[in-house]
Amino acid sequence: MRVTRKRVVVAESAAMAPAVAAAGDQQASVESFGVAMYPVHRSKVIHIVRHGQGFHNVAGDVDQKSYMSWEYLDASLTEMGWTQSEALHAHLEKTGIKAQVELVVVSPLLRTLQTAAGVWGDGPVVDESATPLMVGGLGKAPHAAITAPKGLKFVANEYCREQSGVHPCDRRSSISSYKKQFPVVDFSEVSTDEDTWWKETQRESAQELFTRARTFVRWLLDRPESRIAIVSHSSFIFHMCHLFGSDCSDLVRKEIQTGFRNCEMRSVVISDRLASKPVATTDFAGGLHFDDPTRDVPIKQIEAEDTSVPHADSLPTPKQAAPGGEETESTKLSQLQNGKL
């Protein structure tokens, strides 16, 4: 027996989630397995962080029209934003996540760069002779200079910046000025010094956001690091996360797609399940010539997918027992396990 169920997709507008099918009836087994397996070397652990509270957030919560004000050009963190960053920093230290991350990817706007420094930096500068991660005195709520952590890379990437256009708070400053303020951050991925993406009369569309979110995720998958942190913005993160989760339970889908609070962090795993190029792996080849797998000739060729072996979701369950007089599903399972089917 098979039943139909309706897939529910979270969407705030008709433009949402173009990568997934529209809601509709779908065939599914009564007891679908619902688990995915992918090679570790095709996967990455991603820690997604939204920036801490900015001055534009405070004003926008009172009046949405404030986002149009030039007073909040390339908005900086508030005192609360810095407090939130320090709280997340403490959480990362306590959980051990900070020590595991190999790369921090940050949007090239002031509030995200400040958040990245506060969250992933090593606190106030003690050694004045060392190059800091962030110099002191930036923005409307000046903060002391922050120490650069040893061995952790910081890379700015424009593809994870906020939805661009119309709102001055989403217009970045020049890269040359950022390089002086955040001397350890690598800005080589940003192609222009001045902001050429921001348009005063045109807001980036949802479809454009989805497109660059896909480009950004592909860029992450192509990076050599396996544990990466992202410091970005509410609208970009919302659109990026809506590329995923449509095939999950409502609980898991909401864990992926729900909007982020200021300085909220969620950890996810992404996998390149359609990869076509070989990459480095920690797998062990085994075989007679484990030290040189190219010499090993298997006795029996093992195919990646043998069509004579059913997939887990296609296996019958006891609840799918046939009517009287027909072979029961439990009997079929027993025969399959004993090699009789």
Foldseek 3Di string as FASTA:
>chain_A
DKDKDWFDADDPDPLAQPLDDDIDIDIAHPCFPQDDDDALLQKFKEKEWEFFAWPLNVVCVVPVCSLLDLVQQLTAHDPRRLVLLQVLLVVCVVVVVLVQAAEEEEAQGHRGLVSCQSNNFDAADDDPVDDFQFPFDDHPHTDHTTHHDPRHAYEYANLQEDFAEQGSNRAHAFVVVVCVGGVRYHDPNPDGRGGPPYYNPDTHDLVNLLVSLVVVVVVVSPDPDRYYYYYYHFSSQLRNLSNDDSPHPPVVSCVRRPTDDHGDIDMDMDGDPPDDDDDDDPDFDDAPPSVDNVPHDDPDDDDPDDVVDDDPRPQDDQVPADPPPDDGSVVVVVCVVVVND
